Protein backbone atom coordinates (compact mmCIF):
# COMPACT_ATOMS: atom_id res chain seq x y z
CA MET A 1 45.20 -58.75 -225.03
CA LEU A 2 41.88 -57.41 -223.77
CA LYS A 3 43.27 -57.14 -220.24
CA SER A 4 46.26 -55.16 -221.51
CA TYR A 5 43.96 -52.86 -223.48
CA LEU A 6 41.80 -52.18 -220.45
CA SER A 7 44.84 -51.36 -218.33
CA VAL A 8 46.07 -48.84 -220.90
CA LEU A 9 42.57 -47.35 -221.14
CA SER A 10 42.40 -46.99 -217.36
CA ILE A 11 45.71 -45.14 -217.29
CA VAL A 12 44.60 -42.84 -220.10
CA LEU A 13 41.33 -42.05 -218.36
CA LEU A 14 43.11 -41.40 -215.04
CA PHE A 15 45.61 -39.08 -216.73
CA SER A 16 42.79 -37.31 -218.54
CA THR A 17 40.95 -36.79 -215.25
CA ILE A 18 44.06 -35.37 -213.58
CA VAL A 19 44.74 -33.01 -216.49
CA ARG A 20 41.10 -31.91 -216.57
CA SER A 21 41.18 -31.28 -212.81
CA GLN A 22 44.36 -29.28 -213.14
CA GLU A 23 42.93 -27.27 -215.99
CA GLN A 24 39.91 -26.33 -213.90
CA GLN A 25 42.09 -25.09 -211.06
CA THR A 26 43.71 -21.69 -211.54
CA CYS A 27 46.76 -20.71 -209.52
CA ARG A 28 48.50 -17.35 -209.28
CA GLN A 29 51.30 -15.83 -207.27
CA ILE A 30 50.26 -13.01 -204.91
CA LYS A 31 53.40 -11.68 -203.30
CA GLY A 32 54.80 -14.56 -201.25
CA TYR A 33 51.72 -16.78 -201.60
CA LYS A 34 50.42 -19.27 -204.14
CA VAL A 35 46.65 -18.81 -204.41
CA CYS A 36 44.50 -21.39 -206.23
CA ASP A 37 40.80 -21.28 -207.00
CA LYS A 38 38.45 -23.55 -208.87
CA LYS A 39 35.08 -22.50 -210.29
CA GLY A 40 34.67 -19.62 -207.86
CA THR A 41 35.91 -21.49 -204.81
CA LEU A 42 39.20 -20.76 -203.09
CA VAL A 43 40.76 -24.22 -202.70
CA ASP A 44 44.42 -23.81 -201.77
CA VAL A 45 46.65 -21.07 -200.39
CA SER A 46 50.25 -21.89 -199.56
CA GLN A 47 53.17 -19.71 -198.51
CA GLN A 48 56.54 -19.46 -200.25
CA GLU A 49 57.96 -16.58 -198.24
CA PHE A 50 56.85 -14.34 -195.39
CA GLU A 51 54.56 -11.43 -196.23
CA GLU A 52 52.65 -9.69 -193.48
CA THR A 53 49.65 -8.87 -195.69
CA LEU A 54 47.75 -11.05 -198.18
CA GLU A 55 45.10 -9.39 -200.36
CA ILE A 56 42.94 -11.78 -202.38
CA HIS A 57 40.95 -9.38 -204.55
CA ASP A 58 39.12 -9.46 -207.88
CA LEU A 59 38.88 -13.25 -208.24
CA ASN A 60 35.07 -13.36 -208.26
CA LEU A 61 35.19 -15.84 -205.40
CA LEU A 62 31.93 -17.30 -204.09
CA ALA A 63 33.26 -19.66 -201.42
CA ILE A 64 36.27 -20.62 -199.32
CA ARG A 65 36.75 -24.36 -199.02
CA GLU A 66 37.60 -25.92 -195.67
CA ASN A 67 41.32 -26.42 -194.97
CA THR A 68 42.29 -24.06 -197.78
CA PHE A 69 45.05 -22.28 -195.86
CA LYS A 70 48.23 -24.23 -195.24
CA ASN A 71 49.64 -22.89 -191.95
CA LEU A 72 50.14 -19.32 -193.13
CA THR A 73 52.00 -16.77 -191.03
CA THR A 74 50.24 -13.74 -192.50
CA THR A 75 48.80 -11.32 -189.94
CA LYS A 76 46.51 -9.39 -192.30
CA LEU A 77 44.12 -11.00 -194.80
CA SER A 78 41.68 -9.16 -197.06
CA PHE A 79 38.94 -10.49 -199.35
CA GLY A 80 37.31 -7.13 -200.03
CA LEU A 81 36.91 -5.85 -203.62
CA GLY A 82 35.94 -8.06 -206.51
CA ASN A 83 34.56 -11.07 -204.63
CA LYS A 84 31.07 -12.20 -203.58
CA ILE A 85 31.87 -14.81 -200.97
CA SER A 86 28.84 -16.34 -199.29
CA ALA A 87 29.84 -19.92 -198.45
CA VAL A 88 32.25 -20.16 -195.53
CA LYS A 89 32.51 -22.62 -192.66
CA LYS A 90 34.44 -22.74 -189.41
CA LYS A 91 37.30 -24.71 -190.98
CA SER A 92 37.46 -22.32 -193.92
CA PHE A 93 39.73 -20.23 -191.69
CA LYS A 94 41.83 -23.10 -190.33
CA GLY A 95 45.56 -22.66 -190.86
CA LEU A 96 45.58 -18.94 -190.03
CA GLU A 97 46.84 -19.17 -186.47
CA LYS A 98 48.81 -15.90 -186.69
CA LEU A 99 46.05 -13.83 -188.28
CA GLU A 100 45.33 -10.54 -186.47
CA ARG A 101 43.20 -8.69 -189.02
CA LEU A 102 40.52 -10.12 -191.34
CA ASP A 103 38.69 -7.97 -193.91
CA LEU A 104 35.63 -9.55 -195.53
CA ASP A 105 33.99 -6.28 -196.64
CA SER A 106 31.65 -6.16 -199.64
CA ASN A 107 30.87 -9.86 -199.75
CA VAL A 108 27.67 -11.71 -198.81
CA ILE A 109 28.89 -13.69 -195.82
CA SER A 110 26.23 -15.69 -194.00
CA LEU A 111 27.05 -15.77 -190.29
CA SER A 112 26.85 -18.99 -188.27
CA PRO A 113 27.83 -20.16 -184.76
CA ASN A 114 31.58 -20.40 -184.09
CA LEU A 115 32.36 -19.25 -187.63
CA PHE A 116 35.60 -17.50 -186.65
CA SER A 117 36.64 -19.65 -183.69
CA GLU A 118 39.81 -20.89 -185.44
CA LEU A 119 41.20 -17.33 -185.37
CA LYS A 120 42.51 -17.17 -181.80
CA GLN A 121 44.83 -14.21 -182.44
CA LEU A 122 42.34 -12.05 -184.34
CA HIS A 123 42.32 -8.40 -183.23
CA SER A 124 40.18 -6.85 -185.95
CA LEU A 125 37.25 -8.27 -187.96
CA SER A 126 35.49 -6.27 -190.67
CA LEU A 127 32.19 -7.39 -192.23
CA ILE A 128 31.00 -4.08 -193.71
CA PHE A 129 28.60 -4.24 -196.70
CA ASN A 130 27.71 -7.94 -196.41
CA LYS A 131 23.89 -7.76 -196.37
CA ILE A 132 23.92 -9.40 -192.93
CA SER A 133 20.39 -9.46 -191.51
CA GLU A 134 20.96 -11.28 -188.22
CA ILE A 135 23.73 -12.28 -185.82
CA PRO A 136 23.30 -15.89 -184.65
CA LYS A 137 24.30 -16.91 -181.13
CA ASP A 138 28.03 -17.61 -180.68
CA THR A 139 29.00 -16.24 -184.10
CA PHE A 140 32.00 -14.51 -182.50
CA ALA A 141 32.70 -17.09 -179.80
CA ASP A 142 36.32 -17.82 -178.83
CA LEU A 143 37.72 -14.61 -180.32
CA SER A 144 39.60 -13.94 -177.11
CA ASN A 145 41.78 -11.14 -178.54
CA LEU A 146 39.22 -9.27 -180.64
CA MET A 147 39.29 -5.50 -180.13
CA TRP A 148 37.68 -4.03 -183.27
CA LEU A 149 34.46 -5.37 -184.78
CA TYR A 150 32.99 -3.68 -187.86
CA LEU A 151 29.38 -4.59 -188.70
CA GLY A 152 28.28 -1.32 -190.31
CA HIS A 153 26.35 -0.97 -193.57
CA ASN A 154 24.39 -4.21 -193.32
CA ASP A 155 20.70 -5.12 -192.94
CA ILE A 156 20.65 -5.99 -189.23
CA GLU A 157 17.21 -5.26 -187.73
CA SER A 158 17.70 -6.26 -184.11
CA VAL A 159 20.49 -6.94 -181.63
CA ASN A 160 19.62 -9.69 -179.17
CA LYS A 161 21.16 -10.56 -175.81
CA ASP A 162 22.89 -13.53 -177.46
CA SER A 163 24.14 -11.70 -180.55
CA PHE A 164 27.59 -11.29 -179.03
CA SER A 165 27.61 -14.33 -176.74
CA GLY A 166 31.08 -15.77 -176.24
CA LEU A 167 32.73 -12.62 -177.56
CA SER A 168 35.99 -11.47 -176.05
CA SER A 169 35.67 -9.12 -173.09
CA SER A 170 38.56 -7.14 -174.60
CA LEU A 171 36.40 -5.63 -177.38
CA THR A 172 37.10 -1.90 -177.55
CA PHE A 173 35.36 -0.60 -180.68
CA LEU A 174 32.01 -1.78 -182.09
CA TRP A 175 30.45 -0.45 -185.28
CA LEU A 176 26.75 -1.19 -185.88
CA ASN A 177 26.10 1.98 -187.87
CA ASP A 178 24.06 2.17 -191.06
CA ASN A 179 21.89 -0.87 -190.46
CA LYS A 180 18.13 -1.16 -189.94
CA ILE A 181 18.18 -1.70 -186.18
CA THR A 182 14.86 -1.02 -184.47
CA SER A 183 15.56 -2.73 -181.15
CA ILE A 184 18.44 -3.69 -178.89
CA GLU A 185 17.71 -6.23 -176.18
CA THR A 186 18.90 -5.62 -172.63
CA GLY A 187 22.12 -7.53 -172.07
CA ALA A 188 23.32 -7.31 -175.67
CA PHE A 189 26.47 -5.44 -174.60
CA SER A 190 26.88 -6.99 -171.17
CA GLN A 191 30.05 -8.87 -172.10
CA MET A 192 31.90 -5.75 -173.24
CA PRO A 193 33.38 -4.11 -170.12
CA GLU A 194 36.30 -2.62 -172.11
CA LEU A 195 34.15 -1.02 -174.83
CA THR A 196 35.15 2.60 -175.47
CA ARG A 197 33.35 3.45 -178.72
CA LEU A 198 29.85 2.31 -179.75
CA HIS A 199 28.56 3.36 -183.16
CA LEU A 200 24.80 3.05 -183.62
CA GLU A 201 24.26 5.98 -185.97
CA ASN A 202 21.92 5.86 -188.94
CA ASN A 203 19.57 3.14 -187.73
CA LYS A 204 15.87 3.10 -186.86
CA LEU A 205 15.92 3.22 -183.06
CA THR A 206 12.93 5.00 -181.53
CA SER A 207 14.01 4.52 -177.91
CA ILE A 208 16.74 3.07 -175.71
CA GLN A 209 15.53 0.11 -173.66
CA PRO A 210 16.26 0.33 -169.90
CA GLY A 211 19.57 -1.27 -169.02
CA VAL A 212 20.82 -1.66 -172.61
CA LEU A 213 23.98 0.35 -171.86
CA ARG A 214 24.43 -0.89 -168.30
CA GLY A 215 27.98 -1.81 -167.35
CA LEU A 216 29.71 0.16 -170.11
CA HIS A 217 31.71 2.17 -167.60
CA LYS A 218 34.64 2.72 -169.98
CA LEU A 219 32.51 3.94 -172.88
CA ASP A 220 34.09 7.13 -174.21
CA GLY A 221 31.99 7.85 -177.28
CA LEU A 222 28.35 6.98 -178.02
CA PHE A 223 27.00 7.75 -181.48
CA LEU A 224 23.21 7.69 -181.85
CA GLU A 225 22.73 10.34 -184.53
CA GLU A 226 20.36 9.83 -187.44
CA ASN A 227 17.94 7.52 -185.64
CA GLU A 228 14.28 8.08 -184.75
CA LEU A 229 14.57 8.81 -181.03
CA THR A 230 11.71 10.97 -179.76
CA SER A 231 12.79 11.61 -176.16
CA VAL A 232 15.63 11.22 -173.68
CA SER A 233 14.82 9.76 -170.27
CA LYS A 234 16.84 9.85 -167.06
CA ASN A 235 17.68 6.13 -167.33
CA ASP A 236 18.92 6.11 -170.92
CA PHE A 237 22.55 6.91 -170.10
CA LYS A 238 22.68 5.83 -166.49
CA GLY A 239 26.08 4.54 -165.40
CA LEU A 240 28.08 5.84 -168.38
CA ILE A 241 30.54 7.53 -166.07
CA GLY A 242 33.39 7.68 -168.59
CA LEU A 243 31.44 9.11 -171.54
CA ARG A 244 33.04 12.15 -173.19
CA ILE A 245 31.19 12.35 -176.54
CA LEU A 246 27.44 11.91 -177.04
CA ASN A 247 25.94 12.46 -180.49
CA LEU A 248 22.14 12.67 -180.68
CA HIS A 249 21.73 14.96 -183.67
CA HIS A 250 19.29 14.31 -186.52
CA ASN A 251 16.68 12.51 -184.41
CA GLN A 252 13.11 13.47 -183.51
CA ILE A 253 13.79 14.36 -179.87
CA ALA A 254 11.06 16.64 -178.54
CA SER A 255 11.66 16.25 -174.80
CA ILE A 256 14.50 15.63 -172.37
CA GLU A 257 13.68 14.48 -168.86
CA SER A 258 15.28 16.38 -166.01
CA GLY A 259 18.37 14.50 -164.83
CA ALA A 260 18.78 12.60 -168.12
CA PHE A 261 22.49 13.44 -168.17
CA SER A 262 23.14 13.43 -164.42
CA ASP A 263 25.63 10.50 -164.54
CA LEU A 264 27.71 12.03 -167.33
CA SER A 265 30.13 14.11 -165.28
CA GLN A 266 32.96 13.51 -167.80
CA LEU A 267 30.95 14.48 -170.89
CA GLU A 268 32.71 17.13 -173.00
CA GLN A 269 30.62 17.22 -176.19
CA LEU A 270 26.83 16.97 -176.48
CA ASP A 271 25.26 17.30 -179.93
CA LEU A 272 21.48 17.77 -180.03
CA ARG A 273 21.15 19.72 -183.27
CA LYS A 274 18.40 19.03 -185.78
CA ASN A 275 15.81 17.67 -183.37
CA GLN A 276 12.32 18.83 -182.35
CA LEU A 277 13.08 20.62 -179.08
CA THR A 278 10.84 23.64 -178.39
CA ARG A 279 12.17 24.62 -174.97
CA VAL A 280 15.10 24.13 -172.61
CA ASP A 281 13.93 23.63 -169.05
CA SER A 282 15.81 24.32 -165.84
CA GLY A 283 17.80 21.33 -164.62
CA VAL A 284 17.83 19.46 -167.92
CA PHE A 285 21.65 19.60 -168.10
CA ASN A 286 22.33 18.90 -164.43
CA GLY A 287 25.49 16.92 -163.83
CA LEU A 288 27.38 18.07 -166.92
CA SER A 289 30.10 19.86 -164.99
CA ASN A 290 32.78 19.07 -167.59
CA LEU A 291 30.78 19.90 -170.72
CA LYS A 292 32.74 22.10 -173.14
CA ARG A 293 30.57 22.12 -176.25
CA LEU A 294 26.77 22.06 -176.50
CA ASP A 295 25.01 22.20 -179.87
CA LEU A 296 21.27 22.92 -179.83
CA SER A 297 21.06 24.44 -183.30
CA ASP A 298 18.32 23.71 -185.84
CA ASN A 299 15.61 22.91 -183.32
CA LYS A 300 12.41 24.85 -182.60
CA ILE A 301 13.48 26.31 -179.28
CA ALA A 302 11.47 29.37 -178.30
CA VAL A 303 11.88 29.24 -174.51
CA VAL A 304 15.00 28.89 -172.35
CA GLN A 305 14.09 28.79 -168.66
CA SER A 306 16.15 30.63 -166.12
CA GLY A 307 18.86 28.30 -164.83
CA ALA A 308 18.64 25.99 -167.84
CA PHE A 309 22.42 26.06 -168.18
CA ALA A 310 23.23 26.25 -164.49
CA GLY A 311 26.14 24.08 -163.51
CA LEU A 312 27.78 24.10 -166.93
CA SER A 313 30.86 25.74 -165.47
CA ALA A 314 33.25 24.41 -168.13
CA LEU A 315 31.14 25.29 -171.18
CA LYS A 316 33.13 27.08 -173.88
CA THR A 317 30.87 26.80 -176.91
CA LEU A 318 27.06 27.05 -177.01
CA ILE A 319 25.33 26.85 -180.39
CA LEU A 320 21.70 27.98 -180.56
CA ALA A 321 21.51 29.02 -184.21
CA ASN A 322 18.35 28.45 -186.28
CA ASN A 323 15.86 28.32 -183.43
CA LYS A 324 13.01 30.67 -182.46
CA LEU A 325 14.83 32.63 -179.79
CA THR A 326 15.02 36.43 -179.76
CA ASP A 327 17.46 38.80 -178.03
CA VAL A 328 19.75 36.09 -176.68
CA ASP A 329 22.45 37.39 -174.34
CA ARG A 330 25.13 35.22 -172.78
CA LYS A 331 24.65 37.08 -169.48
CA ASP A 332 21.15 35.64 -169.27
CA PHE A 333 22.62 32.15 -169.01
CA GLY A 334 25.12 32.84 -166.25
CA LEU A 335 27.90 31.10 -168.18
CA THR A 336 31.08 32.83 -167.08
CA SER A 337 33.42 30.55 -169.03
CA LEU A 338 31.55 30.83 -172.34
CA THR A 339 33.77 32.09 -175.14
CA ILE A 340 31.66 31.34 -178.22
CA LEU A 341 27.90 31.82 -178.51
CA TYR A 342 26.20 31.18 -181.84
CA THR A 343 22.59 32.31 -182.02
């Protein structure tokens, strides 16, 4: 009798445990996917029908459990909006072999080595607004198809030579804007031969270390505005033979070394407004034979030496407004192609 009673009790307790477990797990249908979470952790995502995009928003998620995704064919996955995910591991992204775009914006992801290495087909990774303070070695290792990497609006203070170790050489666009970066170690971008756009605006850089940009021959746009640069030296942009856009506005630049832009024969736009320049010396823009737009407005320029703009044969627009110049005449600059002069 007692044995029979204990058996019944065991069954009741087991059933109660199963029911309680099921009650704690919440499942919902999001387009063609069944998405289940439990106490703030994403625990199971399965696919009923093909949908290219899966948006898991507003679930107040804190973590993604390992092996949560069951061989999904989705190519775009977003966790932005309404989540605060911090706990993720390498196998948290297992089962997403087809994924091309991952959006983890506005979470609190803690980076770790090989975190995304399961995502072999990933083209785009966005980690904007995640309070990231450092990039550990090999965080982006094995992402052989990655082309776009968004790391803007975080708390990164330095970029080391190993920050992007193991990263795909196919990376084309890199956003590091709106961080707290004070230093970039030489070699940090050495594995990015295909990089065309580098965003470093709104950081705390006071100088560019020698060799930091070496090897970026395909770089088309470099954005360094709203930093704390005080000067431009002749080695800062050495070797950037493909550069067309260079933004240096809103810094503290008071001097530019002669020959600083000599390698930039393809440069079309140079923005130096809102700096601390007091003069423009002869030879400072040597090598800029393709420059079409030059903005020197909102500086303290009182002197423009004869020949300062020599060689700028393609220049169409020169902006010198809000400086300390008087009686400026385009004929003084010898710019035959100039069509717009703002003084």
